[in-house]
Amino acid sequence: MTESATDDAETGRVASAARLGSVSAQRLWFWSWLGLVGLSVVLLWLAFPASAWPVVPALIAGGLPAAVSLFPNRPLSERGMGLMLVVWGVGGALACLLAGGVGGPLGPWCLAPVAAASVYGGRRRLAEGAALSFMAALVSALAALSGLAPTLPAEGAGFWLGLLALATTGLGLGAGLILAERRAARRELRRDDEVERLRAILEEQPALILSLYPHGRVRALYGQPPEGVSRDQVRELGLPAAALPGADRLAVIEALKLAIAEGRAETGFAPAGAMDRWAGLTLRRAEENLLLAMVRDATAERARETSLDQARQDAEATTAGKSRFLANMSHELRTPLNAIMGFSDIMRARMFGPLPDKYAEYGELIHESGQHLLDLINDVLDMSKIEAERFELSREVFDGREAVSAALRLMRLQADGAGVALRGVLPSEPLTVDADRRAIKQIVLNLVSNALKFTPKGGTVTVTVQSFEDLLELIVVDTGVGISREDLERLGRPYEQAGDDTRRQLGTGLGLSLVRSFAELHGGEMVIESVLGEGTTVSLRLPVVMRPASQTPPPAGGNVIAFNPRG
């Protein structure tokens, strides 16, 4: 158990003992009242038997509240104390009424609620007791004036009843006030102990806590200051004096203004006494013209932040260097590759005479492999430029249908080889767009290539182009194997691929990431929807249309034409 927990437990035990002691003192007071009343009943009954009525009932009424108060064995709640004071008021009023009213010998018992309230303690209880005493006296007086109060014999127990009432009320009130004073003294002592304990905790904690005026002057301060911050200097000159002159001190002053204006502020500064350290400052507005501040040693935290920031800058520099390297290497690789493809084209065309069948087959394979490698290099080059923020769109005004049609014609042979039906649905009217023609064509090529890769033989890939106001919408739908939820979350990021290992070997994972990047460069977006086993839909919306071709989606079979890639 920690020291703080031990202190709290000790405080709880002391408070519990104080409450039990208070209950014991109250019970002793009630027993004393009840004992005096009971003794008086016996003695007066024996000494004045003729006055048994109404003396004995009056005494019983006055002693009954004390007997009732003895039943609870634990401290009463606020409501319970209020009810007990009402019982004392009723008992005192009834005793006065039976003994001749407020002017009778038991008239002082109208003050019984005040005496009981002094035992329960608290100014509120005394006020309640005084109000109940006034009501008891009023009821007794009205009863006597109306003739309802019985009259005691001229000779008999009147003197002794008056003496009993004065003794019990006076002594009870005095004893109650003494108990109340002792309770107040104990509460004050406990409060002082708690204040000292709290002060000790504040002084020992490893940060400097301050109560400040808006301009930074110190009202109070507690705790241990971080290295380089002087308590005396801060107390005499204010919080800004703790920081190095210049930017750090100005930062503290601005933080004070911000905390007053917005209620909170945080900053840091180099302490005036230790330039190699760093102090963190947290400010909160407690009142309109009062701030609470905490100054802590944040040297390790600042060093960690600096290290993380440096690591981030290094990572960004590494990424930029990688992108530049890939861009340069792509250029270097593309130059000899173009030569290889040119020579393979010469071999395929048999420009210098016929070739044996095997060599002709090799020429075809060289050309196909070179074309595939060139496509990959172009993708890497484009992605590298985009990541290095060096890719610039070459925007021009053209008919968007032309770029889509050209891409579909290029993909015709691949679709035929895969046994997949490739279909295009384009508007019948010109679709004037302001965009990068090559990028639009590349978008269609990448999306159709992806769709063909994941669509089995006998399937269908449909490319739909339409416009809404200034948006060009390009939709590619396939009836392929679909994409799982896990793969769908990754797609669109560079070098991320879906499907099994066989399909992943067919590309670099840059196709969809390039499509997304091209769409974002045009100010648009890409959305992928797919159900595993049912196919995939990729939609692009680009704000590039110069003149809206239609305000609503074109109806099926209406203002659209079906494009045949073979045409």
Protein backbone atom coordinates (compact mmCIF):
# COMPACT_ATOMS: atom_id res chain seq x y z
CA MET A 1 0.00 0.00 0.00
CA THR A 2 1.36 3.44 -0.94
CA GLU A 3 1.95 6.24 1.52
CA SER A 4 -0.97 8.22 0.10
CA ALA A 5 -3.32 5.25 0.49
CA THR A 6 -2.12 4.75 4.07
CA ASP A 7 -2.79 8.40 4.89
CA ASP A 8 -6.26 8.16 3.38
CA ALA A 9 -7.02 5.03 5.41
CA GLU A 10 -5.80 6.72 8.58
CA THR A 11 -7.93 9.77 7.84
CA GLY A 12 -10.96 7.53 7.31
CA ARG A 13 -10.36 5.75 10.63
CA VAL A 14 -10.02 9.06 12.47
CA ALA A 15 -13.21 10.41 10.90
CA SER A 16 -15.08 7.19 11.72
CA ALA A 17 -13.89 7.34 15.33
CA ALA A 18 -14.98 10.98 15.53
CA ARG A 19 -18.45 10.09 14.28
CA LEU A 20 -18.77 7.25 16.79
CA GLY A 21 -17.65 9.57 19.59
CA SER A 22 -20.24 12.12 18.53
CA VAL A 23 -22.99 9.46 18.62
CA SER A 24 -21.87 8.36 22.12
CA ALA A 25 -21.99 11.94 23.43
CA GLN A 26 -25.46 12.42 21.96
CA ARG A 27 -26.73 9.20 23.54
CA LEU A 28 -25.32 10.26 26.93
CA TRP A 29 -27.18 13.59 26.60
CA PHE A 30 -30.46 11.83 25.75
CA TRP A 31 -30.00 9.36 28.64
CA SER A 32 -29.38 12.22 31.04
CA TRP A 33 -32.53 14.05 29.92
CA LEU A 34 -34.60 10.86 30.10
CA GLY A 35 -33.13 9.93 33.51
CA LEU A 36 -33.95 13.32 35.07
CA VAL A 37 -37.47 13.22 33.70
CA GLY A 38 -38.03 9.62 34.85
CA LEU A 39 -36.70 10.38 38.36
CA SER A 40 -38.95 13.42 38.54
CA VAL A 41 -41.99 11.33 37.57
CA VAL A 42 -41.37 8.88 40.41
CA LEU A 43 -40.62 11.52 43.06
CA LEU A 44 -43.51 13.83 42.18
CA TRP A 45 -45.93 10.92 42.00
CA LEU A 46 -44.91 9.87 45.48
CA ALA A 47 -44.77 13.42 46.89
CA PHE A 48 -47.88 14.82 45.25
CA PRO A 49 -50.22 11.96 44.40
CA ALA A 50 -53.13 14.41 44.08
CA SER A 51 -51.35 16.17 41.24
CA ALA A 52 -50.65 12.97 39.26
CA TRP A 53 -52.93 14.41 36.64
CA PRO A 54 -51.76 16.21 34.63
CA VAL A 55 -48.18 16.23 36.02
CA VAL A 56 -47.24 12.66 35.11
CA PRO A 57 -48.58 12.83 31.51
CA ALA A 58 -46.81 16.17 31.00
CA LEU A 59 -43.50 14.72 32.18
CA ILE A 60 -43.94 11.64 30.00
CA ALA A 61 -44.62 13.87 26.96
CA GLY A 62 -41.43 15.82 27.71
CA GLY A 63 -39.30 12.70 28.16
CA LEU A 64 -40.66 10.72 25.21
CA PRO A 65 -38.52 12.53 22.52
CA ALA A 66 -35.35 11.57 24.43
CA ALA A 67 -36.46 7.92 24.51
CA VAL A 68 -37.21 8.01 20.76
CA SER A 69 -33.81 9.60 20.06
CA LEU A 70 -32.04 6.65 21.72
CA PHE A 71 -33.28 4.11 19.16
CA PRO A 72 -30.89 4.90 16.24
CA ASN A 73 -27.46 3.35 16.93
CA ARG A 74 -25.68 5.15 14.07
CA PRO A 75 -25.40 8.77 12.90
CA LEU A 76 -28.64 10.11 11.50
CA SER A 77 -29.01 11.46 8.01
CA GLU A 78 -29.97 15.07 7.39
CA ARG A 79 -33.58 14.08 6.96
CA GLY A 80 -33.50 11.90 10.08
CA MET A 81 -32.20 14.80 12.19
CA GLY A 82 -34.96 17.06 10.90
CA LEU A 83 -37.62 14.48 11.83
CA MET A 84 -36.16 14.05 15.33
CA LEU A 85 -36.28 17.82 15.90
CA VAL A 86 -39.96 17.76 14.95
CA VAL A 87 -40.49 15.03 17.56
CA TRP A 88 -38.79 17.25 20.16
CA GLY A 89 -40.99 20.19 19.14
CA VAL A 90 -44.18 18.12 19.45
CA GLY A 91 -43.11 16.67 22.83
CA GLY A 92 -42.19 20.09 24.25
CA ALA A 93 -45.44 21.66 23.05
CA LEU A 94 -47.55 18.81 24.47
CA ALA A 95 -45.75 18.98 27.86
CA CYS A 96 -46.29 22.76 28.06
CA LEU A 97 -49.95 22.33 27.09
CA LEU A 98 -50.60 19.71 29.82
CA ALA A 99 -48.83 21.83 32.45
CA GLY A 100 -50.89 25.01 31.94
CA GLY A 101 -49.52 26.37 28.63
CA VAL A 102 -46.54 28.51 27.84
CA GLY A 103 -46.98 30.40 31.11
CA GLY A 104 -46.98 27.17 33.17
CA PRO A 105 -44.03 25.64 35.01
CA LEU A 106 -43.00 23.53 31.98
CA GLY A 107 -42.97 26.54 29.67
CA PRO A 108 -39.14 26.36 29.26
CA TRP A 109 -39.59 23.01 27.55
CA CYS A 110 -40.84 24.91 24.50
CA LEU A 111 -37.08 25.44 23.97
CA ALA A 112 -36.42 21.68 23.94
CA PRO A 113 -35.96 21.63 20.11
CA VAL A 114 -33.19 24.24 20.45
CA ALA A 115 -31.42 22.16 23.13
CA ALA A 116 -31.72 19.01 20.95
CA ALA A 117 -30.49 20.93 17.91
CA SER A 118 -27.34 21.97 19.77
CA VAL A 119 -26.62 18.28 20.35
CA TYR A 120 -27.08 17.37 16.68
CA GLY A 121 -24.85 20.31 15.75
CA GLY A 122 -24.66 22.82 12.96
CA ARG A 123 -26.05 26.30 12.45
CA ARG A 124 -28.81 24.94 10.25
CA ARG A 125 -29.98 22.65 13.06
CA LEU A 126 -30.07 25.53 15.56
CA ALA A 127 -32.17 27.56 13.13
CA GLU A 128 -34.60 24.65 12.70
CA GLY A 129 -34.74 24.14 16.45
CA ALA A 130 -35.48 27.83 17.04
CA ALA A 131 -38.31 27.75 14.50
CA LEU A 132 -39.82 24.63 16.09
CA SER A 133 -39.50 26.18 19.57
CA PHE A 134 -41.36 29.26 18.40
CA MET A 135 -44.10 27.08 16.94
CA ALA A 136 -44.34 25.03 20.16
CA ALA A 137 -44.63 28.18 22.29
CA LEU A 138 -47.25 29.60 19.92
CA VAL A 139 -49.35 26.43 20.04
CA SER A 140 -49.11 26.30 23.85
CA ALA A 141 -50.08 29.96 24.19
CA LEU A 142 -53.06 29.60 21.88
CA ALA A 143 -54.22 26.50 23.76
CA ALA A 144 -53.97 28.31 27.10
CA LEU A 145 -55.88 31.34 25.77
CA SER A 146 -58.61 29.12 24.36
CA GLY A 147 -58.99 27.27 27.68
CA LEU A 148 -57.83 23.90 26.37
CA ALA A 149 -54.84 23.66 28.73
CA PRO A 150 -55.55 22.01 32.13
CA THR A 151 -54.86 24.00 35.31
CA LEU A 152 -52.43 22.71 37.95
CA PRO A 153 -53.48 22.83 41.65
CA ALA A 154 -52.44 26.03 43.43
CA GLU A 155 -50.24 24.06 45.81
CA GLY A 156 -48.23 21.08 44.79
CA ALA A 157 -45.69 20.17 42.09
CA GLY A 158 -45.57 23.46 40.15
CA PHE A 159 -42.34 24.68 41.72
CA TRP A 160 -40.55 21.40 41.16
CA LEU A 161 -41.83 21.15 37.61
CA GLY A 162 -40.50 24.63 36.85
CA LEU A 163 -37.16 23.76 38.43
CA LEU A 164 -36.99 20.55 36.37
CA ALA A 165 -37.84 22.39 33.14
CA LEU A 166 -35.22 25.09 33.77
CA ALA A 167 -32.57 22.57 34.78
CA THR A 168 -33.06 20.21 31.85
CA THR A 169 -33.38 22.98 29.28
CA GLY A 170 -30.52 25.13 30.58
CA LEU A 171 -28.11 22.33 31.33
CA GLY A 172 -29.07 20.49 28.15
CA LEU A 173 -28.57 23.57 26.01
CA GLY A 174 -25.24 24.34 27.67
CA ALA A 175 -24.01 20.76 27.30
CA GLY A 176 -25.18 20.69 23.68
CA LEU A 177 -23.33 23.90 22.86
CA ILE A 178 -20.17 22.51 24.47
CA LEU A 179 -20.51 19.34 22.35
CA ALA A 180 -21.09 21.44 19.24
CA GLU A 181 -17.98 23.51 19.98
CA ARG A 182 -15.91 20.39 20.43
CA ARG A 183 -17.20 18.96 17.14
CA ALA A 184 -16.36 22.22 15.40
CA ALA A 185 -12.87 22.15 16.92
CA ARG A 186 -12.33 18.58 15.77
CA ARG A 187 -13.55 19.44 12.26
CA GLU A 188 -11.24 22.42 12.17
CA LEU A 189 -8.33 20.27 13.29
CA ARG A 190 -9.08 17.63 10.67
CA ARG A 191 -9.40 20.32 8.02
CA ASP A 192 -6.06 21.81 9.05
CA ASP A 193 -4.48 18.35 8.91
CA GLU A 194 -5.91 17.74 5.43
CA VAL A 195 -4.71 21.14 4.23
CA GLU A 196 -1.21 20.44 5.55
CA ARG A 197 -1.20 16.98 3.99
CA LEU A 198 -2.37 18.40 0.65
CA ARG A 199 0.23 21.15 0.87
CA ALA A 200 2.94 18.55 1.53
CA ILE A 201 1.80 16.51 -1.47
CA LEU A 202 1.84 19.60 -3.70
CA GLU A 203 5.29 20.58 -2.51
CA GLU A 204 6.71 17.11 -3.13
CA GLN A 205 5.29 16.46 -6.61
CA PRO A 206 7.89 16.71 -9.46
CA ALA A 207 6.45 19.74 -11.25
CA LEU A 208 5.90 23.40 -10.50
CA ILE A 209 2.22 24.30 -10.02
CA LEU A 210 1.35 27.99 -10.01
CA SER A 211 -1.65 30.22 -9.47
CA LEU A 212 -1.16 33.23 -11.75
CA TYR A 213 -2.63 36.59 -12.53
CA PRO A 214 -3.25 37.23 -16.26
CA HIS A 215 0.02 39.14 -16.75
CA GLY A 216 2.05 36.25 -15.30
CA ARG A 217 2.62 37.45 -11.75
CA VAL A 218 2.54 34.62 -9.22
CA ARG A 219 -0.18 34.37 -6.62
CA ALA A 220 0.96 31.03 -5.19
CA LEU A 221 3.29 28.24 -6.26
CA TYR A 222 3.93 24.68 -5.13
CA GLY A 223 6.11 21.77 -6.15
CA GLN A 224 9.60 21.23 -7.44
CA PRO A 225 10.62 23.30 -10.49
CA PRO A 226 12.39 21.64 -13.43
CA GLU A 227 16.10 22.13 -13.83
CA GLY A 228 16.96 25.68 -14.85
CA VAL A 229 13.79 27.27 -13.40
CA SER A 230 14.25 29.29 -10.19
CA ARG A 231 11.35 29.38 -7.72
CA ASP A 232 12.53 32.68 -6.23
CA GLN A 233 12.90 34.28 -9.65
CA VAL A 234 9.45 33.11 -10.72
CA ARG A 235 7.89 34.29 -7.44
CA GLU A 236 9.46 37.74 -7.66
CA LEU A 237 9.43 38.45 -11.42
CA GLY A 238 6.59 36.29 -12.74
CA LEU A 239 6.37 33.23 -14.97
CA PRO A 240 7.82 34.79 -18.18
CA ALA A 241 11.09 35.37 -16.30
CA ALA A 242 11.58 31.58 -16.17
CA ALA A 243 12.18 31.43 -19.94
CA LEU A 244 15.18 32.56 -21.93
CA PRO A 245 14.86 36.13 -23.24
CA GLY A 246 13.71 36.29 -26.83
CA ALA A 247 11.46 33.86 -28.66
CA ASP A 248 10.99 31.54 -25.67
CA ARG A 249 9.86 34.35 -23.37
CA LEU A 250 7.54 35.70 -26.07
CA ALA A 251 6.05 32.21 -26.44
CA VAL A 252 5.20 32.18 -22.70
CA ILE A 253 3.60 35.64 -22.90
CA GLU A 254 1.52 34.62 -25.94
CA ALA A 255 0.43 31.44 -24.13
CA LEU A 256 -0.77 33.55 -21.16
CA LYS A 257 -2.85 35.72 -23.50
CA LEU A 258 -4.27 32.68 -25.27
CA ALA A 259 -5.22 31.01 -21.98
CA ILE A 260 -7.10 34.13 -20.85
CA ALA A 261 -8.88 34.38 -24.20
CA GLU A 262 -9.68 30.71 -24.88
CA GLY A 263 -9.38 29.06 -21.47
CA ARG A 264 -6.34 26.89 -22.14
CA ALA A 265 -2.94 26.93 -23.80
CA GLU A 266 0.22 24.85 -24.02
CA THR A 267 3.76 25.75 -25.02
CA GLY A 268 7.39 25.05 -24.16
CA PHE A 269 10.51 27.07 -23.50
CA ALA A 270 14.19 26.79 -22.70
CA PRO A 271 14.68 27.66 -18.99
CA ALA A 272 16.72 30.78 -18.29
CA GLY A 273 19.06 28.78 -16.06
CA ALA A 274 19.65 25.78 -18.36
CA MET A 275 19.71 26.37 -22.10
CA ASP A 276 20.16 22.65 -22.84
CA ARG A 277 16.92 21.72 -21.07
CA TRP A 278 13.30 22.13 -22.13
CA ALA A 279 10.30 22.95 -19.94
CA GLY A 280 6.70 22.22 -20.88
CA LEU A 281 4.02 24.74 -19.83
CA THR A 282 0.31 23.94 -19.50
CA LEU A 283 -2.15 26.75 -18.71
CA ARG A 284 -5.82 26.62 -17.72
CA ARG A 285 -8.15 29.49 -16.85
CA ALA A 286 -9.63 28.95 -13.36
CA GLU A 287 -11.47 32.26 -13.00
CA GLU A 288 -11.87 35.40 -15.05
CA ASN A 289 -8.58 36.86 -13.84
CA LEU A 290 -6.85 33.78 -12.50
CA LEU A 291 -4.81 31.11 -14.28
CA LEU A 292 -3.49 27.74 -13.16
CA ALA A 293 -0.18 26.66 -14.64
CA MET A 294 2.05 23.59 -14.51
CA VAL A 295 5.73 23.74 -15.50
CA ARG A 296 7.34 20.32 -15.98
CA ASP A 297 10.61 18.97 -17.35
CA ALA A 298 9.90 18.03 -20.97
CA THR A 299 13.47 17.55 -22.16
CA ALA A 300 13.07 13.83 -22.88
CA GLU A 301 9.69 14.40 -24.54
CA ARG A 302 11.11 17.12 -26.80
CA ALA A 303 14.09 14.94 -27.70
CA ARG A 304 11.73 12.12 -28.64
CA GLU A 305 9.61 14.47 -30.77
CA THR A 306 12.72 15.82 -32.45
CA SER A 307 13.90 12.29 -33.14
CA LEU A 308 10.53 11.31 -34.61
CA ASP A 309 10.45 14.44 -36.75
CA GLN A 310 13.96 13.73 -38.02
CA ALA A 311 12.99 10.13 -38.76
CA ARG A 312 9.96 11.36 -40.69
CA GLN A 313 12.10 13.75 -42.71
CA ASP A 314 14.61 10.98 -43.39
CA ALA A 315 11.83 8.65 -44.51
CA GLU A 316 10.40 11.31 -46.80
CA ALA A 317 13.86 11.98 -48.23
CA THR A 318 14.40 8.24 -48.74
CA THR A 319 11.05 7.89 -50.47
CA ALA A 320 11.78 10.87 -52.71
CA GLY A 321 15.22 9.45 -53.51
CA LYS A 322 13.68 6.08 -54.33
CA SER A 323 11.15 7.72 -56.61
CA ARG A 324 13.87 9.69 -58.39
CA PHE A 325 15.98 6.55 -58.72
CA LEU A 326 13.08 4.58 -60.20
CA ALA A 327 12.28 7.41 -62.58
CA ASN A 328 15.89 7.58 -63.79
CA MET A 329 16.21 3.80 -64.06
CA SER A 330 12.94 3.57 -65.94
CA HIS A 331 14.30 6.01 -68.51
CA GLU A 332 17.56 4.06 -68.75
CA LEU A 333 15.74 0.75 -69.19
CA ARG A 334 13.23 2.06 -71.69
CA THR A 335 15.90 3.20 -74.16
CA PRO A 336 17.46 -0.26 -74.85
CA LEU A 337 14.03 -1.87 -74.57
CA ASN A 338 12.71 0.25 -77.41
CA ALA A 339 15.64 -0.95 -79.51
CA ILE A 340 14.89 -4.59 -78.62
CA MET A 341 11.25 -4.16 -79.59
CA GLY A 342 12.26 -2.41 -82.82
CA PHE A 343 14.53 -5.30 -83.80
CA SER A 344 11.83 -7.82 -82.85
CA ASP A 345 9.38 -5.91 -85.07
CA ILE A 346 11.87 -6.19 -87.97
CA MET A 347 12.14 -9.95 -87.32
CA ARG A 348 8.35 -10.31 -87.16
CA ALA A 349 7.94 -8.35 -90.44
CA ARG A 350 10.72 -10.44 -92.06
CA MET A 351 12.13 -7.27 -93.63
CA PHE A 352 15.43 -9.01 -94.54
CA GLY A 353 14.01 -12.26 -95.71
CA PRO A 354 12.18 -15.27 -94.33
CA LEU A 355 13.02 -16.83 -90.97
CA PRO A 356 12.74 -20.39 -89.82
CA ASP A 357 9.51 -21.04 -87.95
CA LYS A 358 11.28 -21.41 -84.61
CA TYR A 359 13.09 -18.09 -85.00
CA ALA A 360 9.83 -16.41 -86.01
CA GLU A 361 8.20 -17.79 -82.87
CA TYR A 362 11.10 -16.45 -80.82
CA GLY A 363 10.66 -13.03 -82.44
CA GLU A 364 7.00 -13.00 -81.41
CA LEU A 365 7.91 -14.01 -77.85
CA ILE A 366 10.62 -11.33 -77.71
CA HIS A 367 8.12 -8.71 -78.86
CA GLU A 368 5.40 -9.80 -76.39
CA SER A 369 7.84 -9.93 -73.49
CA GLY A 370 9.32 -6.57 -74.45
CA GLN A 371 5.87 -5.00 -74.69
CA HIS A 372 4.92 -6.42 -71.28
CA LEU A 373 8.15 -5.14 -69.76
CA LEU A 374 7.65 -1.74 -71.38
CA ASP A 375 4.16 -1.50 -69.88
CA LEU A 376 5.55 -2.33 -66.45
CA ILE A 377 8.34 0.24 -66.80
CA ASN A 378 5.85 2.90 -67.91
CA ASP A 379 3.71 2.17 -64.84
CA VAL A 380 6.74 2.41 -62.54
CA LEU A 381 7.82 5.63 -64.24
CA ASP A 382 4.39 7.24 -63.88
CA MET A 383 4.04 6.16 -60.23
CA SER A 384 7.53 7.42 -59.43
CA LYS A 385 6.70 10.81 -60.93
CA ILE A 386 3.45 10.95 -58.99
CA GLU A 387 5.12 10.02 -55.69
CA ALA A 388 7.88 12.56 -56.34
CA GLU A 389 5.17 15.16 -57.14
CA ARG A 390 6.77 15.69 -60.55
CA PHE A 391 3.91 14.39 -62.69
CA GLU A 392 2.09 17.16 -64.51
CA LEU A 393 -1.10 16.70 -66.48
CA SER A 394 -0.99 17.71 -70.11
CA ARG A 395 -4.55 18.99 -70.35
CA GLU A 396 -6.26 19.60 -73.67
CA VAL A 397 -9.81 19.81 -74.99
CA PHE A 398 -10.88 16.71 -76.93
CA ASP A 399 -13.73 14.25 -77.38
CA GLY A 400 -13.53 11.86 -74.45
CA ARG A 401 -15.02 9.06 -76.53
CA GLU A 402 -11.91 8.99 -78.73
CA ALA A 403 -9.52 8.16 -75.87
CA VAL A 404 -11.84 5.43 -74.58
CA SER A 405 -12.35 3.96 -78.07
CA ALA A 406 -8.61 3.88 -78.72
CA ALA A 407 -7.99 2.05 -75.46
CA LEU A 408 -10.72 -0.50 -76.24
CA ARG A 409 -9.21 -1.18 -79.65
CA LEU A 410 -5.81 -1.82 -78.07
CA MET A 411 -7.37 -4.31 -75.60
CA ARG A 412 -9.30 -6.21 -78.27
CA LEU A 413 -6.61 -8.80 -78.96
CA GLN A 414 -6.04 -9.44 -75.25
CA ALA A 415 -9.79 -9.90 -74.73
CA ASP A 416 -10.03 -12.30 -77.67
CA GLY A 417 -7.07 -14.27 -76.37
CA ALA A 418 -8.72 -14.58 -72.95
CA GLY A 419 -12.08 -15.55 -74.45
CA VAL A 420 -13.83 -12.61 -72.81
CA ALA A 421 -16.41 -10.39 -74.54
CA LEU A 422 -15.32 -6.74 -74.39
CA ARG A 423 -18.15 -4.21 -74.83
CA GLY A 424 -18.21 -0.43 -74.77
CA VAL A 425 -21.26 1.80 -74.14
CA LEU A 426 -20.54 5.40 -75.19
CA PRO A 427 -22.73 8.49 -75.77
CA SER A 428 -23.84 9.10 -79.35
CA GLU A 429 -23.06 12.82 -79.08
CA PRO A 430 -19.53 14.26 -78.72
CA LEU A 431 -18.29 14.37 -75.12
CA THR A 432 -16.02 17.40 -74.87
CA VAL A 433 -13.63 17.20 -71.93
CA ASP A 434 -10.66 19.21 -70.65
CA ALA A 435 -8.25 16.51 -69.46
CA ASP A 436 -5.01 14.68 -70.10
CA ARG A 437 -5.71 12.47 -73.12
CA ARG A 438 -2.95 9.97 -72.30
CA ALA A 439 -4.10 9.72 -68.69
CA ILE A 440 -7.73 8.99 -69.72
CA LYS A 441 -6.51 6.36 -72.14
CA GLN A 442 -4.22 4.86 -69.49
CA ILE A 443 -7.11 4.72 -67.02
CA VAL A 444 -9.20 2.68 -69.44
CA LEU A 445 -6.28 0.41 -70.37
CA ASN A 446 -5.46 -0.34 -66.72
CA LEU A 447 -9.07 -0.97 -65.70
CA VAL A 448 -9.85 -3.20 -68.67
CA SER A 449 -6.55 -5.08 -68.27
CA ASN A 450 -7.38 -5.73 -64.61
CA ALA A 451 -10.91 -6.82 -65.48
CA LEU A 452 -9.66 -9.25 -68.16
CA LYS A 453 -7.10 -10.70 -65.74
CA PHE A 454 -9.83 -11.63 -63.22
CA THR A 455 -12.60 -12.61 -65.65
CA PRO A 456 -12.72 -16.27 -66.72
CA LYS A 457 -13.31 -17.45 -70.28
CA GLY A 458 -16.85 -16.76 -71.46
CA GLY A 459 -17.24 -13.71 -69.21
CA THR A 460 -17.99 -10.12 -70.12
CA VAL A 461 -16.28 -6.79 -69.51
CA THR A 462 -18.39 -3.68 -70.13
CA VAL A 463 -17.03 -0.12 -70.28
CA THR A 464 -19.67 2.63 -69.90
CA VAL A 465 -19.04 6.34 -70.42
CA GLN A 466 -21.60 9.01 -69.51
CA SER A 467 -21.75 12.53 -68.11
CA PHE A 468 -23.69 14.43 -65.48
CA GLU A 469 -23.33 18.21 -65.56
CA ASP A 470 -19.52 18.68 -65.36
CA LEU A 471 -18.73 15.09 -64.32
CA LEU A 472 -17.36 12.44 -66.65
CA GLU A 473 -18.35 9.03 -65.30
CA LEU A 474 -16.38 6.01 -66.44
CA ILE A 475 -17.64 2.60 -65.28
CA VAL A 476 -15.92 -0.74 -65.90
CA VAL A 477 -17.99 -3.81 -64.95
CA ASP A 478 -16.77 -7.40 -65.21
CA THR A 479 -18.36 -10.77 -64.48
CA GLY A 480 -15.16 -12.15 -62.98
CA VAL A 481 -14.25 -13.83 -59.73
CA GLY A 482 -14.70 -10.69 -57.62
CA ILE A 483 -12.53 -9.36 -54.84
CA SER A 484 -12.58 -10.37 -51.18
CA ARG A 485 -13.28 -7.79 -48.48
CA GLU A 486 -9.69 -8.03 -47.20
CA ASP A 487 -8.19 -7.43 -50.65
CA LEU A 488 -10.69 -4.63 -51.38
CA GLU A 489 -9.41 -2.63 -48.41
CA ARG A 490 -5.82 -2.79 -49.76
CA LEU A 491 -6.44 -2.13 -53.44
CA GLY A 492 -5.62 1.31 -54.77
CA ARG A 493 -2.34 1.55 -52.84
CA PRO A 494 0.93 1.16 -54.78
CA TYR A 495 2.20 -2.43 -55.25
CA GLU A 496 -0.90 -3.95 -53.62
CA GLN A 497 -2.49 -6.84 -55.54
CA ALA A 498 -5.52 -9.06 -55.13
CA GLY A 499 -6.10 -12.68 -56.02
CA ASP A 500 -3.91 -15.74 -55.72
CA ASP A 501 -0.17 -15.94 -56.46
CA THR A 502 -0.76 -16.91 -60.10
CA ARG A 503 -2.70 -13.73 -60.83
CA ARG A 504 -0.31 -11.57 -58.77
CA GLN A 505 2.57 -12.64 -61.03
CA LEU A 506 0.82 -10.97 -63.98
CA GLY A 507 1.58 -7.41 -62.83
CA THR A 508 3.22 -5.06 -60.35
CA GLY A 509 0.15 -3.91 -58.43
CA LEU A 510 0.44 -0.38 -59.86
CA GLY A 511 -2.57 -0.42 -62.18
CA LEU A 512 -5.32 0.61 -59.76
CA SER A 513 -3.03 2.93 -57.80
CA LEU A 514 -2.22 4.76 -61.06
CA VAL A 515 -5.92 4.97 -61.90
CA ARG A 516 -6.67 6.44 -58.47
CA SER A 517 -3.76 8.89 -58.76
CA PHE A 518 -4.82 10.01 -62.27
CA ALA A 519 -8.38 10.51 -61.01
CA GLU A 520 -7.21 12.57 -58.04
CA LEU A 521 -4.92 14.68 -60.25
CA HIS A 522 -8.03 15.53 -62.28
CA GLY A 523 -9.90 16.39 -59.06
CA GLY A 524 -12.03 13.23 -59.19
CA GLU A 525 -12.40 9.98 -57.29
CA MET A 526 -12.40 6.21 -57.78
CA VAL A 527 -14.85 3.80 -56.16
CA ILE A 528 -14.50 -0.01 -56.21
CA GLU A 529 -17.47 -2.30 -55.51
CA SER A 530 -17.17 -6.06 -55.63
CA VAL A 531 -18.84 -9.25 -54.45
CA LEU A 532 -16.71 -12.35 -54.29
CA GLY A 533 -17.78 -14.73 -57.06
CA GLU A 534 -20.08 -12.20 -58.77
CA GLY A 535 -17.76 -9.63 -60.36
CA THR A 536 -16.39 -6.15 -59.79
CA THR A 537 -17.46 -2.61 -60.65
CA VAL A 538 -14.95 0.27 -60.76
CA SER A 539 -16.42 3.77 -61.11
CA LEU A 540 -14.55 7.02 -61.77
CA ARG A 541 -16.07 10.49 -61.61
CA LEU A 542 -13.93 13.27 -63.06
CA PRO A 543 -15.01 16.96 -63.15
CA VAL A 544 -13.64 17.51 -66.68
CA VAL A 545 -16.71 17.85 -68.93
CA MET A 546 -16.75 21.18 -70.79
CA ARG A 547 -20.42 21.11 -71.85
CA PRO A 548 -22.78 18.72 -70.07
CA ALA A 549 -23.99 16.14 -72.54
CA SER A 550 -27.01 15.32 -70.33
CA GLN A 551 -28.37 16.23 -66.93
CA THR A 552 -29.62 12.72 -66.14
CA PRO A 553 -28.22 9.26 -66.80
CA PRO A 554 -28.89 8.20 -70.39
CA PRO A 555 -31.69 5.64 -70.62
CA ALA A 556 -30.82 2.13 -71.67
CA GLY A 557 -31.15 1.76 -75.41
CA GLY A 558 -31.59 5.51 -75.83
CA ASN A 559 -28.94 8.18 -76.42
CA VAL A 560 -26.00 5.73 -76.30
CA ILE A 561 -24.13 3.66 -78.82
CA ALA A 562 -22.57 0.26 -78.29
CA PHE A 563 -18.91 0.29 -79.26
CA ASN A 564 -17.49 -2.77 -80.95
CA PRO A 565 -13.70 -2.94 -80.41
CA ARG A 566 -13.41 -4.94 -83.63
CA GLY A 567 -14.85 -2.11 -85.70
